[in-house]
Amino acid sequence: MGVIMLYAAGIREAIASNDLEKMKAVAEQAKQTVREQKDLHVALLELLDAIDKLKK
């Protein structure tokens, strides 16, 4: 199956495919991405905070 860009629409596309193997593969890739990017949501919050500070 190749690499699938992980974003909500890609994950939902896997769900809609009703293809169990595709769904499992996308789920594994998503779990790996979350493990590798575990601080992404924290970095985003820091960025949003920095933006808010500059707007004041």
Protein backbone atom coordinates (compact mmCIF):
# COMPACT_ATOMS: atom_id res chain seq x y z
CA MET A 1 0.00 0.00 0.00
CA GLY A 2 2.38 3.03 -0.05
CA VAL A 3 2.53 5.96 2.28
CA ILE A 4 -0.70 7.83 2.92
CA MET A 5 -0.52 11.43 4.06
CA LEU A 6 -2.13 11.43 7.44
CA TYR A 7 -4.79 14.02 7.86
CA ALA A 8 -8.38 13.67 8.90
CA ALA A 9 -9.68 13.28 5.36
CA GLY A 10 -7.17 10.51 4.60
CA ILE A 11 -8.14 8.60 7.71
CA ARG A 12 -11.83 9.04 6.94
CA GLU A 13 -11.18 7.85 3.38
CA ALA A 14 -9.72 4.64 4.81
CA ILE A 15 -12.83 4.22 6.96
CA ALA A 16 -15.12 4.79 3.99
CA SER A 17 -13.19 2.25 1.91
CA ASN A 18 -14.48 -0.51 4.20
CA ASP A 19 -11.17 -2.27 3.41
CA LEU A 20 -10.02 -3.84 6.67
CA GLU A 21 -6.39 -4.20 5.59
CA LYS A 22 -6.22 -0.58 4.40
CA MET A 23 -7.83 0.59 7.63
CA LYS A 24 -5.33 -1.39 9.72
CA ALA A 25 -2.40 -0.03 7.70
CA VAL A 26 -3.59 3.56 8.06
CA ALA A 27 -4.17 3.05 11.79
CA GLU A 28 -0.63 1.72 12.25
CA GLN A 29 0.81 4.64 10.29
CA ALA A 30 -1.27 7.08 12.34
CA LYS A 31 -0.08 5.55 15.61
CA GLN A 32 3.53 5.76 14.45
CA THR A 33 3.11 9.39 13.42
CA VAL A 34 1.55 10.25 16.78
CA ARG A 35 4.46 8.56 18.57
CA GLU A 36 7.00 10.46 16.49
CA GLN A 37 5.21 13.81 16.73
CA LYS A 38 4.00 13.51 20.30
CA ASP A 39 4.83 17.12 21.08
CA LEU A 40 3.23 18.57 17.95
CA HIS A 41 0.08 19.66 19.78
CA VAL A 42 2.19 21.32 22.50
CA ALA A 43 4.24 23.18 19.89
CA LEU A 44 1.02 24.34 18.22
CA LEU A 45 -0.30 25.69 21.53
CA GLU A 46 2.99 27.52 22.06
CA LEU A 47 2.75 29.00 18.56
CA LEU A 48 -0.83 30.15 19.11
CA ASP A 49 0.17 31.71 22.43
CA ALA A 50 3.06 33.56 20.76
CA ILE A 51 0.69 34.83 18.06
CA ASP A 52 -1.78 36.07 20.69
CA LYS A 53 1.01 37.90 22.55
CA LEU A 54 2.13 39.67 19.38
CA LYS A 55 -1.42 40.73 18.54
CA LYS A 56 -1.81 42.57 21.88
